[in-house]
Amino acid sequence: MQLQGKNVLQIVSDDFEDLELWYPVHRLREEGANVILAGEKADHAYIGKYGVPAKSDIAFDDVDISSYDAILVPGGWSPDLLRRFDSVKGFVRYMHDEKRPIGQICHAGWVLISAKILDGVNVTSTPGIKDDMENAGAIWHDEPVVVDGHIVSSRRPPDLPDYMREFIKVMAKH
Protein backbone atom coordinates (compact mmCIF):
# COMPACT_ATOMS: atom_id res chain seq x y z
CA MET A 1 0.00 0.00 0.00
CA GLN A 2 2.34 2.64 -1.31
CA LEU A 3 -0.14 5.54 -0.99
CA GLN A 4 -1.04 5.09 2.68
CA GLY A 5 -1.91 8.47 4.22
CA LYS A 6 -2.24 10.28 0.87
CA ASN A 7 -5.39 12.30 0.17
CA VAL A 8 -6.80 12.46 -3.36
CA LEU A 9 -9.61 14.72 -4.53
CA GLN A 10 -11.79 13.16 -7.24
CA ILE A 11 -14.06 15.82 -8.71
CA VAL A 12 -17.45 14.76 -10.02
CA SER A 13 -20.56 15.99 -11.81
CA ASP A 14 -23.28 14.28 -13.82
CA ASP A 15 -22.40 12.46 -17.04
CA PHE A 16 -18.93 11.33 -15.94
CA GLU A 17 -17.57 8.28 -17.76
CA ASP A 18 -18.34 5.56 -15.22
CA LEU A 19 -15.14 3.52 -15.58
CA GLU A 20 -12.94 6.62 -15.77
CA LEU A 21 -14.20 7.71 -12.36
CA TRP A 22 -14.57 4.42 -10.50
CA TYR A 23 -11.52 2.48 -11.72
CA PRO A 24 -9.08 5.14 -10.44
CA VAL A 25 -11.00 5.52 -7.17
CA HIS A 26 -10.80 1.78 -6.48
CA ARG A 27 -7.14 1.43 -7.56
CA LEU A 28 -6.04 4.33 -5.36
CA ARG A 29 -8.00 3.01 -2.39
CA GLU A 30 -6.37 -0.39 -2.92
CA GLU A 31 -3.02 1.39 -2.60
CA GLY A 32 -4.11 2.97 0.70
CA ALA A 33 -5.08 6.45 -0.52
CA ASN A 34 -8.01 8.31 1.00
CA VAL A 35 -10.09 9.33 -2.03
CA ILE A 36 -12.72 12.03 -1.47
CA LEU A 37 -15.38 12.77 -4.10
CA ALA A 38 -16.22 16.46 -4.44
CA GLY A 39 -19.18 17.87 -6.34
CA GLU A 40 -21.14 21.08 -6.57
CA LYS A 41 -23.21 19.77 -3.64
CA ALA A 42 -22.18 17.50 -0.76
CA ASP A 43 -23.93 14.19 -0.19
CA HIS A 44 -25.43 14.24 -3.69
CA ALA A 45 -25.67 11.29 -6.09
CA TYR A 46 -24.21 12.22 -9.47
CA ILE A 47 -25.06 9.83 -12.29
CA GLY A 48 -22.55 8.58 -14.84
CA LYS A 49 -23.13 8.20 -18.57
CA TYR A 50 -24.10 4.55 -18.06
CA GLY A 51 -26.19 5.05 -14.94
CA VAL A 52 -23.68 4.29 -12.20
CA PRO A 53 -24.04 6.75 -9.32
CA ALA A 54 -21.21 8.47 -7.45
CA LYS A 55 -22.12 10.15 -4.17
CA SER A 56 -20.13 13.25 -3.31
CA ASP A 57 -18.49 13.45 0.10
CA ILE A 58 -17.97 17.20 0.05
CA ALA A 59 -19.08 20.32 -1.85
CA PHE A 60 -16.60 22.28 -3.95
CA ASP A 61 -17.09 25.29 -1.65
CA ASP A 62 -15.96 23.24 1.37
CA VAL A 63 -12.77 21.83 -0.15
CA ASP A 64 -9.45 22.92 1.39
CA ILE A 65 -7.33 22.02 -1.63
CA SER A 66 -4.10 22.42 0.32
CA SER A 67 -4.97 19.27 2.29
CA TYR A 68 -4.88 17.08 -0.84
CA ASP A 69 -1.87 15.38 -2.34
CA ALA A 70 -3.39 14.88 -5.81
CA ILE A 71 -6.46 15.55 -7.93
CA LEU A 72 -8.28 13.42 -10.49
CA VAL A 73 -10.52 14.73 -13.25
CA PRO A 74 -12.84 12.13 -14.83
CA GLY A 75 -13.78 11.93 -18.46
CA GLY A 76 -17.17 11.65 -20.09
CA TRP A 77 -19.22 14.79 -20.61
CA SER A 78 -18.72 15.99 -17.03
CA PRO A 79 -15.53 17.96 -17.79
CA ASP A 80 -17.63 20.38 -19.86
CA LEU A 81 -19.69 21.03 -16.72
CA LEU A 82 -16.78 20.94 -14.26
CA ARG A 83 -14.72 23.55 -16.09
CA ARG A 84 -17.46 26.13 -15.52
CA PHE A 85 -16.72 26.21 -11.78
CA ASP A 86 -14.09 28.74 -10.73
CA SER A 87 -13.38 26.57 -7.70
CA VAL A 88 -12.56 23.53 -9.87
CA LYS A 89 -10.22 25.56 -12.08
CA GLY A 90 -8.68 26.93 -8.89
CA PHE A 91 -8.10 23.40 -7.54
CA VAL A 92 -6.31 22.40 -10.74
CA ARG A 93 -4.21 25.59 -10.84
CA TYR A 94 -3.23 25.13 -7.18
CA MET A 95 -2.13 21.54 -7.80
CA HIS A 96 -0.19 22.67 -10.86
CA ASP A 97 1.52 25.52 -9.02
CA GLU A 98 2.44 23.15 -6.17
CA LYS A 99 3.55 20.43 -8.63
CA ARG A 100 1.17 17.94 -7.03
CA PRO A 101 -0.11 15.08 -9.20
CA ILE A 102 -2.97 15.85 -11.58
CA GLY A 103 -4.69 12.97 -13.35
CA GLN A 104 -6.84 13.51 -16.42
CA ILE A 105 -8.40 11.05 -18.84
CA CYS A 106 -10.43 11.31 -22.03
CA HIS A 107 -12.35 14.64 -22.11
CA ALA A 108 -10.91 15.71 -18.72
CA GLY A 109 -8.39 17.78 -20.64
CA TRP A 110 -11.11 20.39 -21.06
CA VAL A 111 -10.79 21.22 -17.35
CA LEU A 112 -7.01 21.62 -17.61
CA ILE A 113 -7.50 23.79 -20.71
CA SER A 114 -9.90 26.06 -18.82
CA ALA A 115 -7.45 26.19 -15.89
CA LYS A 116 -4.86 27.43 -18.41
CA ILE A 117 -2.08 25.05 -17.34
CA LEU A 118 -1.29 23.14 -20.55
CA ASP A 119 1.05 25.48 -22.44
CA GLY A 120 4.10 23.40 -23.39
CA VAL A 121 2.87 20.29 -21.52
CA ASN A 122 3.05 16.83 -23.10
CA VAL A 123 -0.38 15.17 -22.88
CA THR A 124 -2.82 12.75 -24.40
CA SER A 125 -6.61 12.64 -24.38
CA THR A 126 -9.43 11.27 -26.42
CA PRO A 127 -8.56 12.18 -30.03
CA GLY A 128 -11.82 14.14 -30.19
CA ILE A 129 -10.30 16.99 -28.17
CA LYS A 130 -6.79 16.84 -29.68
CA ASP A 131 -7.32 20.20 -31.42
CA ASP A 132 -8.55 21.79 -28.18
CA MET A 133 -5.49 20.51 -26.32
CA GLU A 134 -3.09 21.75 -29.01
CA ASN A 135 -4.86 25.12 -29.24
CA ALA A 136 -4.23 25.48 -25.48
CA GLY A 137 -0.52 25.01 -26.15
CA ALA A 138 -0.23 21.34 -25.21
CA ILE A 139 1.97 18.90 -27.12
CA TRP A 140 -0.45 16.06 -27.89
CA HIS A 141 0.59 12.40 -28.23
CA ASP A 142 -1.51 9.42 -29.30
CA GLU A 143 -0.31 7.14 -26.48
CA PRO A 144 -2.17 5.18 -23.77
CA VAL A 145 -0.64 7.37 -21.07
CA VAL A 146 1.65 10.40 -21.05
CA VAL A 147 3.51 11.62 -17.96
CA ASP A 148 4.92 15.15 -17.96
CA GLY A 149 6.22 15.82 -14.47
CA HIS A 150 3.20 15.87 -12.16
CA ILE A 151 0.57 15.71 -14.95
CA VAL A 152 -0.57 12.24 -15.96
CA SER A 153 -2.96 11.96 -18.90
CA SER A 154 -4.67 9.09 -20.65
CA ARG A 155 -6.97 8.55 -23.62
CA ARG A 156 -9.94 6.31 -22.75
CA PRO A 157 -11.19 3.32 -20.71
CA PRO A 158 -9.01 0.63 -22.39
CA ASP A 159 -5.97 2.64 -21.20
CA LEU A 160 -7.02 2.69 -17.52
CA PRO A 161 -4.48 0.07 -16.33
CA ASP A 162 -1.58 2.05 -17.88
CA TYR A 163 -3.02 5.32 -16.57
CA MET A 164 -3.31 4.15 -12.99
CA ARG A 165 0.06 2.38 -13.00
CA GLU A 166 1.76 5.66 -13.96
CA PHE A 167 -0.41 7.87 -11.74
CA ILE A 168 0.39 5.70 -8.70
CA LYS A 169 4.13 5.93 -9.52
CA VAL A 170 3.92 9.74 -9.71
CA MET A 171 1.91 9.91 -6.47
CA ALA A 172 4.33 7.63 -4.64
CA LYS A 173 7.19 10.08 -5.45
CA HIS A 174 5.33 13.08 -4.00
C-alpha atoms as a PDB file:
ATOM      1  CA  MET A   1       0.000   0.000   0.000  1.00  0.00           C
ATOM      2  CA  GLN A   2       2.343   2.644  -1.306  1.00  0.00           C
ATOM      3  CA  LEU A   3      -0.139   5.538  -0.991  1.00  0.00           C
ATOM      4  CA  GLN A   4      -1.045   5.094   2.680  1.00  0.00           C
ATOM      5  CA  GLY A   5      -1.908   8.473   4.219  1.00  0.00           C
ATOM      6  CA  LYS A   6      -2.238  10.278   0.872  1.00  0.00           C
ATOM      7  CA  ASN A   7      -5.390  12.302   0.167  1.00  0.00           C
ATOM      8  CA  VAL A   8      -6.800  12.458  -3.360  1.00  0.00           C
ATOM      9  CA  LEU A   9      -9.607  14.720  -4.532  1.00  0.00           C
ATOM     10  CA  GLN A  10     -11.791  13.162  -7.242  1.00  0.00           C
ATOM     11  CA  ILE A  11     -14.057  15.823  -8.713  1.00  0.00           C
ATOM     12  CA  VAL A  12     -17.451  14.756 -10.021  1.00  0.00           C
ATOM     13  CA  SER A  13     -20.560  15.989 -11.805  1.00  0.00           C
ATOM     14  CA  ASP A  14     -23.280  14.278 -13.820  1.00  0.00           C
ATOM     15  CA  ASP A  15     -22.401  12.462 -17.042  1.00  0.00           C
ATOM     16  CA  PHE A  16     -18.929  11.327 -15.939  1.00  0.00           C
ATOM     17  CA  GLU A  17     -17.569   8.280 -17.762  1.00  0.00           C
ATOM     18  CA  ASP A  18     -18.339   5.559 -15.219  1.00  0.00           C
ATOM     19  CA  LEU A  19     -15.140   3.521 -15.583  1.00  0.00           C
ATOM     20  CA  GLU A  20     -12.936   6.617 -15.771  1.00  0.00           C
ATOM     21  CA  LEU A  21     -14.198   7.713 -12.363  1.00  0.00           C
ATOM     22  CA  TRP A  22     -14.567   4.419 -10.504  1.00  0.00           C
ATOM     23  CA  TYR A  23     -11.523   2.479 -11.723  1.00  0.00           C
ATOM     24  CA  PRO A  24      -9.080   5.139 -10.445  1.00  0.00           C
ATOM     25  CA  VAL A  25     -10.997   5.520  -7.168  1.00  0.00           C
ATOM     26  CA  HIS A  26     -10.796   1.779  -6.476  1.00  0.00           C
ATOM     27  CA  ARG A  27      -7.145   1.428  -7.558  1.00  0.00           C
ATOM     28  CA  LEU A  28      -6.035   4.328  -5.363  1.00  0.00           C
ATOM     29  CA  ARG A  29      -7.998   3.011  -2.392  1.00  0.00           C
ATOM     30  CA  GLU A  30      -6.367  -0.387  -2.924  1.00  0.00           C
ATOM     31  CA  GLU A  31      -3.023   1.393  -2.597  1.00  0.00           C
ATOM     32  CA  GLY A  32      -4.113   2.970   0.705  1.00  0.00           C
ATOM     33  CA  ALA A  33      -5.079   6.448  -0.517  1.00  0.00           C
ATOM     34  CA  ASN A  34      -8.012   8.310   1.005  1.00  0.00           C
ATOM     35  CA  VAL A  35     -10.095   9.333  -2.028  1.00  0.00           C
ATOM     36  CA  ILE A  36     -12.725  12.032  -1.473  1.00  0.00           C
ATOM     37  CA  LEU A  37     -15.376  12.773  -4.098  1.00  0.00           C
ATOM     38  CA  ALA A  38     -16.218  16.462  -4.443  1.00  0.00           C
ATOM     39  CA  GLY A  39     -19.179  17.866  -6.343  1.00  0.00           C
ATOM     40  CA  GLU A  40     -21.140  21.082  -6.567  1.00  0.00           C
ATOM     41  CA  LYS A  41     -23.208  19.770  -3.635  1.00  0.00           C
ATOM     42  CA  ALA A  42     -22.178  17.505  -0.762  1.00  0.00           C
ATOM     43  CA  ASP A  43     -23.933  14.186  -0.193  1.00  0.00           C
ATOM     44  CA  HIS A  44     -25.427  14.241  -3.685  1.00  0.00           C
ATOM     45  CA  ALA A  45     -25.672  11.288  -6.090  1.00  0.00           C
ATOM     46  CA  TYR A  46     -24.213  12.220  -9.467  1.00  0.00           C
ATOM     47  CA  ILE A  47     -25.062   9.834 -12.290  1.00  0.00           C
ATOM     48  CA  GLY A  48     -22.547   8.583 -14.837  1.00  0.00           C
ATOM     49  CA  LYS A  49     -23.128   8.196 -18.567  1.00  0.00           C
ATOM     50  CA  TYR A  50     -24.097   4.549 -18.064  1.00  0.00           C
ATOM     51  CA  GLY A  51     -26.190   5.054 -14.940  1.00  0.00           C
ATOM     52  CA  VAL A  52     -23.676   4.288 -12.201  1.00  0.00           C
ATOM     53  CA  PRO A  53     -24.038   6.753  -9.318  1.00  0.00           C
ATOM     54  CA  ALA A  54     -21.213   8.469  -7.454  1.00  0.00           C
ATOM     55  CA  LYS A  55     -22.116  10.146  -4.174  1.00  0.00           C
ATOM     56  CA  SER A  56     -20.128  13.252  -3.306  1.00  0.00           C
ATOM     57  CA  ASP A  57     -18.487  13.446   0.099  1.00  0.00           C
ATOM     58  CA  ILE A  58     -17.970  17.197   0.048  1.00  0.00           C
ATOM     59  CA  ALA A  59     -19.079  20.318  -1.845  1.00  0.00           C
ATOM     60  CA  PHE A  60     -16.596  22.275  -3.948  1.00  0.00           C
ATOM     61  CA  ASP A  61     -17.093  25.288  -1.650  1.00  0.00           C
ATOM     62  CA  ASP A  62     -15.964  23.244   1.375  1.00  0.00           C
ATOM     63  CA  VAL A  63     -12.771  21.828  -0.150  1.00  0.00           C
ATOM     64  CA  ASP A  64      -9.451  22.918   1.389  1.00  0.00           C
ATOM     65  CA  ILE A  65      -7.332  22.019  -1.630  1.00  0.00           C
ATOM     66  CA  SER A  66      -4.097  22.422   0.324  1.00  0.00           C
ATOM     67  CA  SER A  67      -4.968  19.270   2.293  1.00  0.00           C
ATOM     68  CA  TYR A  68      -4.881  17.077  -0.837  1.00  0.00           C
ATOM     69  CA  ASP A  69      -1.866  15.380  -2.338  1.00  0.00           C
ATOM     70  CA  ALA A  70      -3.389  14.883  -5.811  1.00  0.00           C
ATOM     71  CA  ILE A  71      -6.460  15.554  -7.928  1.00  0.00           C
ATOM     72  CA  LEU A  72      -8.283  13.415 -10.485  1.00  0.00           C
ATOM     73  CA  VAL A  73     -10.522  14.725 -13.247  1.00  0.00           C
ATOM     74  CA  PRO A  74     -12.842  12.134 -14.829  1.00  0.00           C
ATOM     75  CA  GLY A  75     -13.778  11.934 -18.462  1.00  0.00           C
ATOM     76  CA  GLY A  76     -17.166  11.652 -20.094  1.00  0.00           C
ATOM     77  CA  TRP A  77     -19.216  14.791 -20.613  1.00  0.00           C
ATOM     78  CA  SER A  78     -18.718  15.994 -17.033  1.00  0.00           C
ATOM     79  CA  PRO A  79     -15.532  17.960 -17.790  1.00  0.00           C
ATOM     80  CA  ASP A  80     -17.625  20.376 -19.858  1.00  0.00           C
ATOM     81  CA  LEU A  81     -19.693  21.031 -16.720  1.00  0.00           C
ATOM     82  CA  LEU A  82     -16.783  20.941 -14.258  1.00  0.00           C
ATOM     83  CA  ARG A  83     -14.716  23.554 -16.091  1.00  0.00           C
ATOM     84  CA  ARG A  84     -17.456  26.132 -15.521  1.00  0.00           C
ATOM     85  CA  PHE A  85     -16.725  26.212 -11.776  1.00  0.00           C
ATOM     86  CA  ASP A  86     -14.085  28.739 -10.734  1.00  0.00           C
ATOM     87  CA  SER A  87     -13.380  26.568  -7.697  1.00  0.00           C
ATOM     88  CA  VAL A  88     -12.560  23.534  -9.868  1.00  0.00           C
ATOM     89  CA  LYS A  89     -10.224  25.560 -12.078  1.00  0.00           C
ATOM     90  CA  GLY A  90      -8.679  26.928  -8.891  1.00  0.00           C
ATOM     91  CA  PHE A  91      -8.100  23.397  -7.544  1.00  0.00           C
ATOM     92  CA  VAL A  92      -6.307  22.403 -10.744  1.00  0.00           C
ATOM     93  CA  ARG A  93      -4.206  25.591 -10.839  1.00  0.00           C
ATOM     94  CA  TYR A  94      -3.233  25.134  -7.176  1.00  0.00           C
ATOM     95  CA  MET A  95      -2.128  21.544  -7.801  1.00  0.00           C
ATOM     96  CA  HIS A  96      -0.189  22.667 -10.861  1.00  0.00           C
ATOM     97  CA  ASP A  97       1.520  25.522  -9.020  1.00  0.00           C
ATOM     98  CA  GLU A  98       2.441  23.148  -6.166  1.00  0.00           C
ATOM     99  CA  LYS A  99       3.553  20.433  -8.631  1.00  0.00           C
ATOM    100  CA  ARG A 100       1.170  17.939  -7.034  1.00  0.00           C
ATOM    101  CA  PRO A 101      -0.113  15.078  -9.201  1.00  0.00           C
ATOM    102  CA  ILE A 102      -2.972  15.847 -11.577  1.00  0.00           C
ATOM    103  CA  GLY A 103      -4.686  12.969 -13.350  1.00  0.00           C
ATOM    104  CA  GLN A 104      -6.837  13.512 -16.421  1.00  0.00           C
ATOM    105  CA  ILE A 105      -8.396  11.047 -18.839  1.00  0.00           C
ATOM    106  CA  CYS A 106     -10.427  11.314 -22.028  1.00  0.00           C
ATOM    107  CA  HIS A 107     -12.353  14.642 -22.113  1.00  0.00           C
ATOM    108  CA  ALA A 108     -10.910  15.707 -18.723  1.00  0.00           C
ATOM    109  CA  GLY A 109      -8.392  17.781 -20.641  1.00  0.00           C
ATOM    110  CA  TRP A 110     -11.114  20.394 -21.060  1.00  0.00           C
ATOM    111  CA  VAL A 111     -10.794  21.219 -17.346  1.00  0.00           C
ATOM    112  CA  LEU A 112      -7.008  21.624 -17.614  1.00  0.00           C
ATOM    113  CA  ILE A 113      -7.503  23.791 -20.713  1.00  0.00           C
ATOM    114  CA  SER A 114      -9.900  26.061 -18.820  1.00  0.00           C
ATOM    115  CA  ALA A 115      -7.455  26.190 -15.893  1.00  0.00           C
ATOM    116  CA  LYS A 116      -4.855  27.429 -18.405  1.00  0.00           C
ATOM    117  CA  ILE A 117      -2.078  25.047 -17.344  1.00  0.00           C
ATOM    118  CA  LEU A 118      -1.288  23.143 -20.552  1.00  0.00           C
ATOM    119  CA  ASP A 119       1.046  25.479 -22.442  1.00  0.00           C
ATOM    120  CA  GLY A 120       4.099  23.397 -23.393  1.00  0.00           C
ATOM    121  CA  VAL A 121       2.866  20.292 -21.519  1.00  0.00           C
ATOM    122  CA  ASN A 122       3.049  16.833 -23.099  1.00  0.00           C
ATOM    123  CA  VAL A 123      -0.384  15.166 -22.876  1.00  0.00           C
ATOM    124  CA  THR A 124      -2.817  12.750 -24.401  1.00  0.00           C
ATOM    125  CA  SER A 125      -6.612  12.641 -24.381  1.00  0.00           C
ATOM    126  CA  THR A 126      -9.435  11.269 -26.422  1.00  0.00           C
ATOM    127  CA  PRO A 127      -8.559  12.177 -30.026  1.00  0.00           C
ATOM    128  CA  GLY A 128     -11.821  14.135 -30.194  1.00  0.00           C
ATOM    129  CA  ILE A 129     -10.297  16.990 -28.167  1.00  0.00           C
ATOM    130  CA  LYS A 130      -6.795  16.837 -29.680  1.00  0.00           C
ATOM    131  CA  ASP A 131      -7.317  20.195 -31.424  1.00  0.00           C
ATOM    132  CA  ASP A 132      -8.554  21.785 -28.178  1.00  0.00           C
ATOM    133  CA  MET A 133      -5.489  20.515 -26.324  1.00  0.00           C
ATOM    134  CA  GLU A 134      -3.091  21.746 -29.006  1.00  0.00           C
ATOM    135  CA  ASN A 135      -4.857  25.120 -29.241  1.00  0.00           C
ATOM    136  CA  ALA A 136      -4.234  25.477 -25.485  1.00  0.00           C
ATOM    137  CA  GLY A 137      -0.516  25.006 -26.152  1.00  0.00           C
ATOM    138  CA  ALA A 138      -0.228  21.340 -25.212  1.00  0.00           C
ATOM    139  CA  ILE A 139       1.969  18.897 -27.119  1.00  0.00           C
ATOM    140  CA  TRP A 140      -0.451  16.059 -27.888  1.00  0.00           C
ATOM    141  CA  HIS A 141       0.590  12.397 -28.227  1.00  0.00           C
ATOM    142  CA  ASP A 142      -1.515   9.424 -29.296  1.00  0.00           C
ATOM    143  CA  GLU A 143      -0.309   7.137 -26.484  1.00  0.00           C
ATOM    144  CA  PRO A 144      -2.175   5.183 -23.769  1.00  0.00           C
ATOM    145  CA  VAL A 145      -0.639   7.372 -21.068  1.00  0.00           C
ATOM    146  CA  VAL A 146       1.655  10.404 -21.046  1.00  0.00           C
ATOM    147  CA  VAL A 147       3.513  11.620 -17.957  1.00  0.00           C
ATOM    148  CA  ASP A 148       4.920  15.146 -17.957  1.00  0.00           C
ATOM    149  CA  GLY A 149       6.224  15.820 -14.466  1.00  0.00           C
ATOM    150  CA  HIS A 150       3.201  15.870 -12.156  1.00  0.00           C
ATOM    151  CA  ILE A 151       0.569  15.709 -14.947  1.00  0.00           C
ATOM    152  CA  VAL A 152      -0.571  12.237 -15.956  1.00  0.00           C
ATOM    153  CA  SER A 153      -2.956  11.961 -18.900  1.00  0.00           C
ATOM    154  CA  SER A 154      -4.673   9.090 -20.651  1.00  0.00           C
ATOM    155  CA  ARG A 155      -6.975   8.549 -23.619  1.00  0.00           C
ATOM    156  CA  ARG A 156      -9.944   6.309 -22.754  1.00  0.00           C
ATOM    157  CA  PRO A 157     -11.186   3.320 -20.714  1.00  0.00           C
ATOM    158  CA  PRO A 158      -9.012   0.635 -22.393  1.00  0.00           C
ATOM    159  CA  ASP A 159      -5.971   2.641 -21.197  1.00  0.00           C
ATOM    160  CA  LEU A 160      -7.023   2.690 -17.520  1.00  0.00           C
ATOM    161  CA  PRO A 161      -4.476   0.071 -16.327  1.00  0.00           C
ATOM    162  CA  ASP A 162      -1.582   2.049 -17.879  1.00  0.00           C
ATOM    163  CA  TYR A 163      -3.025   5.319 -16.569  1.00  0.00           C
ATOM    164  CA  MET A 164      -3.309   4.150 -12.988  1.00  0.00           C
ATOM    165  CA  ARG A 165       0.058   2.379 -12.997  1.00  0.00           C
ATOM    166  CA  GLU A 166       1.758   5.655 -13.961  1.00  0.00           C
ATOM    167  CA  PHE A 167      -0.414   7.869 -11.744  1.00  0.00           C
ATOM    168  CA  ILE A 168       0.394   5.699  -8.704  1.00  0.00           C
ATOM    169  CA  LYS A 169       4.132   5.927  -9.521  1.00  0.00           C
ATOM    170  CA  VAL A 170       3.915   9.738  -9.708  1.00  0.00           C
ATOM    171  CA  MET A 171       1.906   9.910  -6.465  1.00  0.00           C
ATOM    172  CA  ALA A 172       4.332   7.632  -4.638  1.00  0.00           C
ATOM    173  CA  LYS A 173       7.193  10.076  -5.448  1.00  0.00           C
ATOM    174  CA  HIS A 174       5.334  13.081  -3.996  1.00  0.00           C
END
